[in-house]
PDB file of N, CA and C in Angstrom:
ATOM      1  N   MET A   1       0.853  -1.158   0.000  1.00  0.00           N
ATOM      2  CA  MET A   1       0.000   0.000   0.000  1.00  0.00           C
ATOM      3  C   MET A   1       0.908   1.232   0.000  1.00  0.00           C
ATOM      4  N   SER A   2       0.682   2.153  -0.884  1.00  0.00           N
ATOM      5  CA  SER A   2       1.510   3.355  -0.980  1.00  0.00           C
ATOM      6  C   SER A   2       0.638   4.598  -1.034  1.00  0.00           C
ATOM      7  N   PHE A   3       1.210   5.693  -0.567  1.00  0.00           N
ATOM      8  CA  PHE A   3       0.546   6.989  -0.602  1.00  0.00           C
ATOM      9  C   PHE A   3       1.567   8.019  -1.050  1.00  0.00           C
ATOM     10  N   PHE A   4       1.108   9.102  -1.609  1.00  0.00           N
ATOM     11  CA  PHE A   4       1.989  10.184  -2.031  1.00  0.00           C
ATOM     12  C   PHE A   4       1.659  11.416  -1.202  1.00  0.00           C
ATOM     13  N   TYR A   5       2.644  11.931  -0.492  1.00  0.00           N
ATOM     14  CA  TYR A   5       2.473  13.131   0.312  1.00  0.00           C
ATOM     15  C   TYR A   5       3.531  14.153  -0.102  1.00  0.00           C
ATOM     16  N   ILE A   6       3.239  15.410   0.066  1.00  0.00           N
ATOM     17  CA  ILE A   6       4.161  16.491  -0.285  1.00  0.00           C
ATOM     18  C   ILE A   6       4.676  17.123   1.002  1.00  0.00           C
ATOM     19  N   ALA A   7       6.002  17.370   1.055  1.00  0.00           N
ATOM     20  CA  ALA A   7       6.637  17.999   2.213  1.00  0.00           C
ATOM     21  C   ALA A   7       7.160  19.367   1.797  1.00  0.00           C
ATOM     22  N   PRO A   8       7.378  20.252   2.749  1.00  0.00           N
ATOM     23  CA  PRO A   8       7.952  21.570   2.418  1.00  0.00           C
ATOM     24  C   PRO A   8       9.292  21.427   1.700  1.00  0.00           C
ATOM     25  N   ALA A   9       9.668  22.436   0.921  1.00  0.00           N
ATOM     26  CA  ALA A   9      10.862  22.369   0.089  1.00  0.00           C
ATOM     27  C   ALA A   9      12.152  22.246   0.895  1.00  0.00           C
ATOM     28  N   GLN A  10      12.242  22.818   2.064  1.00  0.00           N
ATOM     29  CA  GLN A  10      13.472  22.790   2.844  1.00  0.00           C
ATOM     30  C   GLN A  10      13.287  22.192   4.245  1.00  0.00           C
ATOM     31  N   PRO A  11      12.722  20.999   4.380  1.00  0.00           N
ATOM     32  CA  PRO A  11      12.595  20.429   5.724  1.00  0.00           C
ATOM     33  C   PRO A  11      13.959  19.984   6.233  1.00  0.00           C
ATOM     34  N   GLN A  12      14.207  20.173   7.510  1.00  0.00           N
ATOM     35  CA  GLN A  12      15.491  19.790   8.072  1.00  0.00           C
ATOM     36  C   GLN A  12      15.595  18.274   8.148  1.00  0.00           C
ATOM     37  N   GLY A  13      16.688  17.700   7.692  1.00  0.00           N
ATOM     38  CA  GLY A  13      16.925  16.280   7.796  1.00  0.00           C
ATOM     39  C   GLY A  13      16.445  15.448   6.619  1.00  0.00           C
ATOM     40  N   LEU A  14      15.666  16.015   5.710  1.00  0.00           N
ATOM     41  CA  LEU A  14      15.219  15.260   4.542  1.00  0.00           C
ATOM     42  C   LEU A  14      16.090  15.607   3.345  1.00  0.00           C
ATOM     43  N   LEU A  15      16.527  14.570   2.651  1.00  0.00           N
ATOM     44  CA  LEU A  15      17.349  14.760   1.466  1.00  0.00           C
ATOM     45  C   LEU A  15      16.671  14.104   0.272  1.00  0.00           C
ATOM     46  N   PRO A  16      16.925  14.573  -0.941  1.00  0.00           N
ATOM     47  CA  PRO A  16      16.325  13.945  -2.133  1.00  0.00           C
ATOM     48  C   PRO A  16      16.689  12.470  -2.224  1.00  0.00           C
ATOM     49  N   GLY A  17      15.718  11.649  -2.578  1.00  0.00           N
ATOM     50  CA  GLY A  17      15.937  10.223  -2.739  1.00  0.00           C
ATOM     51  C   GLY A  17      15.902   9.423  -1.451  1.00  0.00           C
ATOM     52  N   MET A  18      15.701  10.066  -0.338  1.00  0.00           N
ATOM     53  CA  MET A  18      15.694   9.413   0.956  1.00  0.00           C
ATOM     54  C   MET A  18      14.374   8.665   1.170  1.00  0.00           C
ATOM     55  N   ASN A  19      14.434   7.451   1.736  1.00  0.00           N
ATOM     56  CA  ASN A  19      13.222   6.724   2.113  1.00  0.00           C
ATOM     57  C   ASN A  19      12.773   7.194   3.485  1.00  0.00           C
ATOM     58  N   VAL A  20      11.486   7.455   3.614  1.00  0.00           N
ATOM     59  CA  VAL A  20      10.940   7.952   4.872  1.00  0.00           C
ATOM     60  C   VAL A  20       9.761   7.067   5.264  1.00  0.00           C
ATOM     61  N   LEU A  21       9.769   6.593   6.498  1.00  0.00           N
ATOM     62  CA  LEU A  21       8.661   5.832   7.023  1.00  0.00           C
ATOM     63  C   LEU A  21       7.827   6.783   7.876  1.00  0.00           C
ATOM     64  N   ALA A  22       6.550   6.918   7.541  1.00  0.00           N
ATOM     65  CA  ALA A  22       5.680   7.851   8.255  1.00  0.00           C
ATOM     66  C   ALA A  22       4.361   7.179   8.569  1.00  0.00           C
ATOM     67  N   TYR A  23       3.822   7.466   9.717  1.00  0.00           N
ATOM     68  CA  TYR A  23       2.506   6.976  10.108  1.00  0.00           C
ATOM     69  C   TYR A  23       1.559   8.160  10.060  1.00  0.00           C
ATOM     70  N   LEU A  24       0.724   8.162   9.053  1.00  0.00           N
ATOM     71  CA  LEU A  24      -0.188   9.276   8.842  1.00  0.00           C
ATOM     72  C   LEU A  24      -1.616   8.754   8.870  1.00  0.00           C
ATOM     73  N   PRO A  25      -2.445   9.314   9.730  1.00  0.00           N
ATOM     74  CA  PRO A  25      -3.816   8.818   9.819  1.00  0.00           C
ATOM     75  C   PRO A  25      -4.624   9.133   8.561  1.00  0.00           C
ATOM     76  N   ILE A  26      -5.382   8.143   8.112  1.00  0.00           N
ATOM     77  CA  ILE A  26      -6.297   8.353   6.999  1.00  0.00           C
ATOM     78  C   ILE A  26      -7.621   7.703   7.377  1.00  0.00           C
ATOM     79  N   GLY A  27      -8.708   8.296   7.007  1.00  0.00           N
ATOM     80  CA  GLY A  27     -10.016   7.719   7.272  1.00  0.00           C
ATOM     81  C   GLY A  27     -10.422   7.825   8.723  1.00  0.00           C
ATOM     82  N   PRO A  28     -11.542   7.207   9.061  1.00  0.00           N
ATOM     83  CA  PRO A  28     -12.054   7.279  10.423  1.00  0.00           C
ATOM     84  C   PRO A  28     -11.254   6.386  11.380  1.00  0.00           C
ATOM     85  N   THR A  29     -11.351   6.670  12.670  1.00  0.00           N
ATOM     86  CA  THR A  29     -10.712   5.861  13.692  1.00  0.00           C
ATOM     87  C   THR A  29     -11.454   4.530  13.801  1.00  0.00           C
ATOM     88  N   VAL A  30     -10.684   3.442  13.913  1.00  0.00           N
ATOM     89  CA  VAL A  30     -11.268   2.109  13.995  1.00  0.00           C
ATOM     90  C   VAL A  30     -10.709   1.400  15.224  1.00  0.00           C
ATOM     91  N   GLN A  31     -11.577   0.753  15.981  1.00  0.00           N
ATOM     92  CA  GLN A  31     -11.146  -0.046  17.133  1.00  0.00           C
ATOM     93  C   GLN A  31     -10.760  -1.430  16.648  1.00  0.00           C
ATOM     94  N   GLY A  32      -9.740  -2.020  17.248  1.00  0.00           N
ATOM     95  CA  GLY A  32      -9.332  -3.355  16.854  1.00  0.00           C
ATOM     96  C   GLY A  32      -8.121  -3.820  17.635  1.00  0.00           C
ATOM     97  N   VAL A  33      -7.483  -4.863  17.136  1.00  0.00           N
ATOM     98  CA  VAL A  33      -6.313  -5.433  17.795  1.00  0.00           C
ATOM     99  C   VAL A  33      -5.187  -5.625  16.789  1.00  0.00           C
ATOM    100  N   MET A  34      -3.964  -5.643  17.269  1.00  0.00           N
ATOM    101  CA  MET A  34      -2.792  -5.909  16.448  1.00  0.00           C
ATOM    102  C   MET A  34      -2.443  -7.388  16.588  1.00  0.00           C
ATOM    103  N   ILE A  35      -2.244  -8.038  15.461  1.00  0.00           N
ATOM    104  CA  ILE A  35      -1.876  -9.450  15.446  1.00  0.00           C
ATOM    105  C   ILE A  35      -0.433  -9.554  14.968  1.00  0.00           C
ATOM    106  N   PRO A  36       0.464 -10.112  15.801  1.00  0.00           N
ATOM    107  CA  PRO A  36       1.856 -10.241  15.360  1.00  0.00           C
ATOM    108  C   PRO A  36       1.986 -11.260  14.232  1.00  0.00           C
ATOM    109  N   ALA A  37       2.940 -11.049  13.355  1.00  0.00           N
ATOM    110  CA  ALA A  37       3.151 -11.939  12.212  1.00  0.00           C
ATOM    111  C   ALA A  37       3.428 -13.370  12.656  1.00  0.00           C
ATOM    112  N   ALA A  38       4.061 -13.553  13.816  1.00  0.00           N
ATOM    113  CA  ALA A  38       4.383 -14.894  14.305  1.00  0.00           C
ATOM    114  C   ALA A  38       3.126 -15.693  14.645  1.00  0.00           C
ATOM    115  N   ALA A  39       1.997 -15.038  14.850  1.00  0.00           N
ATOM    116  CA  ALA A  39       0.755 -15.730  15.209  1.00  0.00           C
ATOM    117  C   ALA A  39      -0.014 -16.204  13.981  1.00  0.00           C
ATOM    118  N   VAL A  40       0.397 -15.778  12.797  1.00  0.00           N
ATOM    119  CA  VAL A  40      -0.368 -16.045  11.579  1.00  0.00           C
ATOM    120  C   VAL A  40       0.166 -17.280  10.855  1.00  0.00           C
ATOM    121  N   VAL A  41      -0.770 -18.165  10.474  1.00  0.00           N
ATOM    122  CA  VAL A  41      -0.439 -19.305   9.621  1.00  0.00           C
ATOM    123  C   VAL A  41      -1.207 -19.129   8.316  1.00  0.00           C
ATOM    124  N   TRP A  42      -0.629 -19.630   7.242  1.00  0.00           N
ATOM    125  CA  TRP A  42      -1.244 -19.500   5.918  1.00  0.00           C
ATOM    126  C   TRP A  42      -1.682 -20.865   5.446  1.00  0.00           C
ATOM    127  N   TRP A  43      -2.927 -20.938   4.968  1.00  0.00           N
ATOM    128  CA  TRP A  43      -3.470 -22.181   4.439  1.00  0.00           C
ATOM    129  C   TRP A  43      -4.480 -21.843   3.362  1.00  0.00           C
ATOM    130  N   GLN A  44      -4.349 -22.459   2.202  1.00  0.00           N
ATOM    131  CA  GLN A  44      -5.210 -22.234   1.050  1.00  0.00           C
ATOM    132  C   GLN A  44      -5.283 -20.753   0.665  1.00  0.00           C
ATOM    133  N   GLY A  45      -4.155 -20.081   0.754  1.00  0.00           N
ATOM    134  CA  GLY A  45      -4.069 -18.681   0.346  1.00  0.00           C
ATOM    135  C   GLY A  45      -4.693 -17.694   1.311  1.00  0.00           C
ATOM    136  N   LYS A  46      -5.082 -18.146   2.486  1.00  0.00           N
ATOM    137  CA  LYS A  46      -5.699 -17.263   3.475  1.00  0.00           C
ATOM    138  C   LYS A  46      -4.880 -17.266   4.754  1.00  0.00           C
ATOM    139  N   ALA A  47      -4.988 -16.179   5.500  1.00  0.00           N
ATOM    140  CA  ALA A  47      -4.301 -16.056   6.781  1.00  0.00           C
ATOM    141  C   ALA A  47      -5.236 -16.523   7.892  1.00  0.00           C
ATOM    142  N   TRP A  48      -4.679 -17.247   8.854  1.00  0.00           N
ATOM    143  CA  TRP A  48      -5.448 -17.778   9.970  1.00  0.00           C
ATOM    144  C   TRP A  48      -4.692 -17.518  11.267  1.00  0.00           C
ATOM    145  N   VAL A  49      -5.441 -17.453  12.355  1.00  0.00           N
ATOM    146  CA  VAL A  49      -4.850 -17.300  13.676  1.00  0.00           C
ATOM    147  C   VAL A  49      -5.587 -18.271  14.605  1.00  0.00           C
ATOM    148  N   TYR A  50      -4.869 -18.845  15.570  1.00  0.00           N
ATOM    149  CA  TYR A  50      -5.489 -19.743  16.537  1.00  0.00           C
ATOM    150  C   TYR A  50      -5.817 -18.971  17.805  1.00  0.00           C
ATOM    151  N   VAL A  51      -7.075 -19.112  18.244  1.00  0.00           N
ATOM    152  CA  VAL A  51      -7.556 -18.456  19.454  1.00  0.00           C
ATOM    153  C   VAL A  51      -7.808 -19.535  20.500  1.00  0.00           C
ATOM    154  N   GLN A  52      -7.337 -19.305  21.715  1.00  0.00           N
ATOM    155  CA  GLN A  52      -7.532 -20.272  22.790  1.00  0.00           C
ATOM    156  C   GLN A  52      -8.932 -20.093  23.369  1.00  0.00           C
ATOM    157  N   THR A  53      -9.722 -21.185  23.370  1.00  0.00           N
ATOM    158  CA  THR A  53     -11.085 -21.129  23.889  1.00  0.00           C
ATOM    159  C   THR A  53     -11.169 -21.602  25.332  1.00  0.00           C
ATOM    160  N   ASP A  54     -10.272 -22.500  25.739  1.00  0.00           N
ATOM    161  CA  ASP A  54     -10.114 -22.931  27.134  1.00  0.00           C
ATOM    162  C   ASP A  54      -8.694 -23.471  27.258  1.00  0.00           C
ATOM    163  N   PRO A  55      -8.264 -23.873  28.448  1.00  0.00           N
ATOM    164  CA  PRO A  55      -6.849 -24.255  28.609  1.00  0.00           C
ATOM    165  C   PRO A  55      -6.336 -25.325  27.641  1.00  0.00           C
ATOM    166  N   ASN A  56      -7.225 -26.181  27.099  1.00  0.00           N
ATOM    167  CA  ASN A  56      -6.762 -27.265  26.239  1.00  0.00           C
ATOM    168  C   ASN A  56      -7.323 -27.228  24.824  1.00  0.00           C
ATOM    169  N   HIS A  57      -8.027 -26.162  24.447  1.00  0.00           N
ATOM    170  CA  HIS A  57      -8.655 -26.120  23.126  1.00  0.00           C
ATOM    171  C   HIS A  57      -8.375 -24.804  22.411  1.00  0.00           C
ATOM    172  N   PHE A  58      -8.200 -24.939  21.092  1.00  0.00           N
ATOM    173  CA  PHE A  58      -7.914 -23.785  20.246  1.00  0.00           C
ATOM    174  C   PHE A  58      -8.816 -23.840  19.029  1.00  0.00           C
ATOM    175  N   VAL A  59      -9.208 -22.680  18.536  1.00  0.00           N
ATOM    176  CA  VAL A  59     -10.045 -22.582  17.343  1.00  0.00           C
ATOM    177  C   VAL A  59      -9.305 -21.737  16.323  1.00  0.00           C
ATOM    178  N   ARG A  60      -9.305 -22.213  15.061  1.00  0.00           N
ATOM    179  CA  ARG A  60      -8.658 -21.465  13.987  1.00  0.00           C
ATOM    180  C   ARG A  60      -9.664 -20.479  13.411  1.00  0.00           C
ATOM    181  N   ARG A  61      -9.273 -19.209  13.321  1.00  0.00           N
ATOM    182  CA  ARG A  61     -10.144 -18.174  12.751  1.00  0.00           C
ATOM    183  C   ARG A  61      -9.433 -17.484  11.594  1.00  0.00           C
ATOM    184  N   GLU A  62     -10.222 -17.190  10.554  1.00  0.00           N
ATOM    185  CA  GLU A  62      -9.659 -16.486   9.403  1.00  0.00           C
ATOM    186  C   GLU A  62      -9.313 -15.059   9.806  1.00  0.00           C
ATOM    187  N   LEU A  63      -8.223 -14.568   9.252  1.00  0.00           N
ATOM    188  CA  LEU A  63      -7.711 -13.247   9.599  1.00  0.00           C
ATOM    189  C   LEU A  63      -7.704 -12.360   8.370  1.00  0.00           C
ATOM    190  N   SER A  64      -8.227 -11.174   8.490  1.00  0.00           N
ATOM    191  CA  SER A  64      -8.168 -10.207   7.400  1.00  0.00           C
ATOM    192  C   SER A  64      -6.765  -9.608   7.350  1.00  0.00           C
ATOM    193  N   THR A  65      -6.185  -9.571   6.150  1.00  0.00           N
ATOM    194  CA  THR A  65      -4.844  -8.995   5.997  1.00  0.00           C
ATOM    195  C   THR A  65      -4.911  -7.688   5.199  1.00  0.00           C
ATOM    196  N   GLU A  66      -6.057  -7.028   5.263  1.00  0.00           N
ATOM    197  CA  GLU A  66      -6.240  -5.775   4.522  1.00  0.00           C
ATOM    198  C   GLU A  66      -5.454  -4.618   5.121  1.00  0.00           C
ATOM    199  N   THR A  67      -5.117  -4.714   6.413  1.00  0.00           N
ATOM    200  CA  THR A  67      -4.438  -3.605   7.071  1.00  0.00           C
ATOM    201  C   THR A  67      -3.121  -4.063   7.683  1.00  0.00           C
ATOM    202  N   PRO A  68      -2.062  -4.126   6.870  1.00  0.00           N
ATOM    203  CA  PRO A  68      -0.764  -4.503   7.434  1.00  0.00           C
ATOM    204  C   PRO A  68      -0.190  -3.371   8.282  1.00  0.00           C
ATOM    205  N   VAL A  69       0.496  -3.751   9.334  1.00  0.00           N
ATOM    206  CA  VAL A  69       1.216  -2.817  10.197  1.00  0.00           C
ATOM    207  C   VAL A  69       2.614  -3.402  10.387  1.00  0.00           C
ATOM    208  N   PRO A  70       3.554  -2.612  10.870  1.00  0.00           N
ATOM    209  CA  PRO A  70       4.888  -3.175  11.080  1.00  0.00           C
ATOM    210  C   PRO A  70       4.819  -4.437  11.948  1.00  0.00           C
ATOM    211  N   GLU A  71       5.374  -5.516  11.454  1.00  0.00           N
ATOM    212  CA  GLU A  71       5.481  -6.792  12.160  1.00  0.00           C
ATOM    213  C   GLU A  71       4.148  -7.508  12.381  1.00  0.00           C
ATOM    214  N   GLY A  72       3.136  -7.241  11.540  1.00  0.00           N
ATOM    215  CA  GLY A  72       1.881  -7.964  11.698  1.00  0.00           C
ATOM    216  C   GLY A  72       0.725  -7.328  10.953  1.00  0.00           C
ATOM    217  N   TRP A  73      -0.470  -7.479  11.522  1.00  0.00           N
ATOM    218  CA  TRP A  73      -1.689  -6.938  10.911  1.00  0.00           C
ATOM    219  C   TRP A  73      -2.579  -6.327  11.966  1.00  0.00           C
ATOM    220  N   PHE A  74      -3.375  -5.352  11.539  1.00  0.00           N
ATOM    221  CA  PHE A  74      -4.400  -4.750  12.392  1.00  0.00           C
ATOM    222  C   PHE A  74      -5.733  -5.356  11.985  1.00  0.00           C
ATOM    223  N   VAL A  75      -6.509  -5.818  12.965  1.00  0.00           N
ATOM    224  CA  VAL A  75      -7.794  -6.448  12.694  1.00  0.00           C
ATOM    225  C   VAL A  75      -8.878  -5.700  13.456  1.00  0.00           C
ATOM    226  N   GLY A  76      -9.904  -5.244  12.733  1.00  0.00           N
ATOM    227  CA  GLY A  76     -10.983  -4.490  13.350  1.00  0.00           C
ATOM    228  C   GLY A  76     -12.151  -5.335  13.801  1.00  0.00           C
ATOM    229  N   THR A  77     -12.335  -6.521  13.208  1.00  0.00           N
ATOM    230  CA  THR A  77     -13.457  -7.388  13.578  1.00  0.00           C
ATOM    231  C   THR A  77     -12.987  -8.830  13.686  1.00  0.00           C
ATOM    232  N   GLY A  78     -13.744  -9.624  14.427  1.00  0.00           N
ATOM    233  CA  GLY A  78     -13.452 -11.044  14.547  1.00  0.00           C
ATOM    234  C   GLY A  78     -12.626 -11.433  15.755  1.00  0.00           C
ATOM    235  N   LEU A  79     -11.849 -10.506  16.278  1.00  0.00           N
ATOM    236  CA  LEU A  79     -11.047 -10.754  17.474  1.00  0.00           C
ATOM    237  C   LEU A  79     -11.236  -9.596  18.437  1.00  0.00           C
ATOM    238  N   ALA A  80     -11.175  -9.907  19.724  1.00  0.00           N
ATOM    239  CA  ALA A  80     -11.327  -8.874  20.757  1.00  0.00           C
ATOM    240  C   ALA A  80     -10.016  -8.730  21.517  1.00  0.00           C
ATOM    241  N   ALA A  81      -9.874  -7.621  22.200  1.00  0.00           N
ATOM    242  CA  ALA A  81      -8.642  -7.332  22.931  1.00  0.00           C
ATOM    243  C   ALA A  81      -8.346  -8.385  23.994  1.00  0.00           C
ATOM    244  N   GLY A  82      -9.340  -9.038  24.539  1.00  0.00           N
ATOM    245  CA  GLY A  82      -9.124 -10.042  25.588  1.00  0.00           C
ATOM    246  C   GLY A  82      -8.859 -11.443  25.079  1.00  0.00           C
ATOM    247  N   ASP A  83      -8.949 -11.681  23.771  1.00  0.00           N
ATOM    248  CA  ASP A  83      -8.722 -13.017  23.223  1.00  0.00           C
ATOM    249  C   ASP A  83      -7.264 -13.427  23.374  1.00  0.00           C
ATOM    250  N   SER A  84      -7.052 -14.694  23.749  1.00  0.00           N
ATOM    251  CA  SER A  84      -5.694 -15.243  23.820  1.00  0.00           C
ATOM    252  C   SER A  84      -5.405 -15.925  22.494  1.00  0.00           C
ATOM    253  N   ILE A  85      -4.364 -15.474  21.822  1.00  0.00           N
ATOM    254  CA  ILE A  85      -3.991 -16.074  20.545  1.00  0.00           C
ATOM    255  C   ILE A  85      -2.643 -16.771  20.682  1.00  0.00           C
ATOM    256  N   VAL A  86      -2.440 -17.759  19.832  1.00  0.00           N
ATOM    257  CA  VAL A  86      -1.191 -18.512  19.834  1.00  0.00           C
ATOM    258  C   VAL A  86      -0.159 -17.718  19.038  1.00  0.00           C
ATOM    259  N   VAL A  87       0.945 -17.381  19.684  1.00  0.00           N
ATOM    260  CA  VAL A  87       1.995 -16.624  19.011  1.00  0.00           C
ATOM    261  C   VAL A  87       3.159 -17.546  18.651  1.00  0.00           C
ATOM    262  N   ARG A  88       3.426 -18.536  19.466  1.00  0.00           N
ATOM    263  CA  ARG A  88       4.476 -19.516  19.168  1.00  0.00           C
ATOM    264  C   ARG A  88       3.831 -20.887  19.019  1.00  0.00           C
ATOM    265  N   GLY A  89       4.126 -21.565  17.933  1.00  0.00           N
ATOM    266  CA  GLY A  89       3.610 -22.909  17.726  1.00  0.00           C
ATOM    267  C   GLY A  89       2.336 -22.977  16.911  1.00  0.00           C
ATOM    268  N   ALA A  90       1.930 -21.869  16.294  1.00  0.00           N
ATOM    269  CA  ALA A  90       0.695 -21.869  15.500  1.00  0.00           C
ATOM    270  C   ALA A  90       0.797 -22.822  14.319  1.00  0.00           C
ATOM    271  N   GLN A  91       1.954 -22.897  13.676  1.00  0.00           N
ATOM    272  CA  GLN A  91       2.128 -23.803  12.544  1.00  0.00           C
ATOM    273  C   GLN A  91       2.015 -25.252  13.002  1.00  0.00           C
ATOM    274  N   LEU A  92       2.493 -25.555  14.185  1.00  0.00           N
ATOM    275  CA  LEU A  92       2.371 -26.900  14.731  1.00  0.00           C
ATOM    276  C   LEU A  92       0.902 -27.248  14.975  1.00  0.00           C
ATOM    277  N   LEU A  93       0.120 -26.312  15.480  1.00  0.00           N
ATOM    278  CA  LEU A  93      -1.309 -26.539  15.664  1.00  0.00           C
ATOM    279  C   LEU A  93      -1.998 -26.826  14.335  1.00  0.00           C
ATOM    280  N   LEU A  94      -1.639 -26.086  13.294  1.00  0.00           N
ATOM    281  CA  LEU A  94      -2.221 -26.326  11.973  1.00  0.00           C
ATOM    282  C   LEU A  94      -1.883 -27.732  11.495  1.00  0.00           C
ATOM    283  N   SER A  95      -0.640 -28.142  11.671  1.00  0.00           N
ATOM    284  CA  SER A  95      -0.215 -29.484  11.267  1.00  0.00           C
ATOM    285  C   SER A  95      -0.974 -30.550  12.041  1.00  0.00           C
ATOM    286  N   GLU A  96      -1.115 -30.365  13.338  1.00  0.00           N
ATOM    287  CA  GLU A  96      -1.834 -31.334  14.174  1.00  0.00           C
ATOM    288  C   GLU A  96      -3.312 -31.382  13.814  1.00  0.00           C
ATOM    289  N   GLU A  97      -3.887 -30.242  13.501  1.00  0.00           N
ATOM    290  CA  GLU A  97      -5.299 -30.202  13.116  1.00  0.00           C
ATOM    291  C   GLU A  97      -5.547 -31.080  11.892  1.00  0.00           C
ATOM    292  N   PHE A  98      -4.691 -30.995  10.893  1.00  0.00           N
ATOM    293  CA  PHE A  98      -4.899 -31.759   9.673  1.00  0.00           C
ATOM    294  C   PHE A  98      -4.380 -33.183   9.779  1.00  0.00           C
ATOM    295  N   ARG A  99      -3.430 -33.418  10.656  1.00  0.00           N
ATOM    296  CA  ARG A  99      -2.959 -34.782  10.887  1.00  0.00           C
ATOM    297  C   ARG A  99      -4.076 -35.627  11.493  1.00  0.00           C
ATOM    298  N   ALA A 100      -4.880 -35.026  12.354  1.00  0.00           N
ATOM    299  CA  ALA A 100      -5.994 -35.732  12.981  1.00  0.00           C
ATOM    300  C   ALA A 100      -7.058 -36.119  11.958  1.00  0.00           C
ATOM    301  N   GLN A 101      -7.101 -35.431  10.826  1.00  0.00           N
ATOM    302  CA  GLN A 101      -8.102 -35.724   9.796  1.00  0.00           C
ATOM    303  C   GLN A 101      -7.652 -36.805   8.813  1.00  0.00           C
ATOM    304  N   ILE A 102      -6.376 -37.148   8.834  1.00  0.00           N
ATOM    305  CA  ILE A 102      -5.846 -38.157   7.920  1.00  0.00           C
ATOM    306  C   ILE A 102      -6.287 -39.539   8.386  1.00  0.00           C
ATOM    307  N   GLN A 103      -6.886 -40.298   7.485  1.00  0.00           N
ATOM    308  CA  GLN A 103      -7.311 -41.667   7.807  1.00  0.00           C
ATOM    309  C   GLN A 103      -6.420 -42.619   7.030  1.00  0.00           C
ATOM    310  N   VAL A 104      -5.779 -43.521   7.752  1.00  0.00           N
ATOM    311  CA  VAL A 104      -4.886 -44.482   7.142  1.00  0.00           C
ATOM    312  C   VAL A 104      -5.633 -45.796   7.001  1.00  0.00           C
ATOM    313  N   SER A 105      -5.644 -46.339   5.810  1.00  0.00           N
ATOM    314  CA  SER A 105      -6.289 -47.640   5.593  1.00  0.00           C
ATOM    315  C   SER A 105      -5.234 -48.711   5.436  1.00  0.00           C
ATOM    316  N   GLU A 106      -5.577 -49.929   5.799  1.00  0.00           N
ATOM    317  CA  GLU A 106      -4.614 -51.031   5.712  1.00  0.00           C
ATOM    318  C   GLU A 106      -4.714 -51.775   4.421  1.00  0.00           C
TER     319      GLU A 106
END
């Protein structure tokens, strides 16, 4: 995602050709949560995150990747600030989820 902004002709510290990282608000304010990249697993071209429902159970939820932020994504719906998400081992959970579905015949 890119935007074009204009700066004054003689700003201190800016030189021609310099890359600048800026956080500039656009649009209305939205409530949501930040999801770290380490919590995201990819399957069938979609991003997923595992949410802990109780001490021994996790549910995989689809994650919108429309709003990337440094080191992850911002999500406005589907997750709440109090949700516990898996940050380490999410790929292992995905593997275990599908391993349980494999039926071996003799």
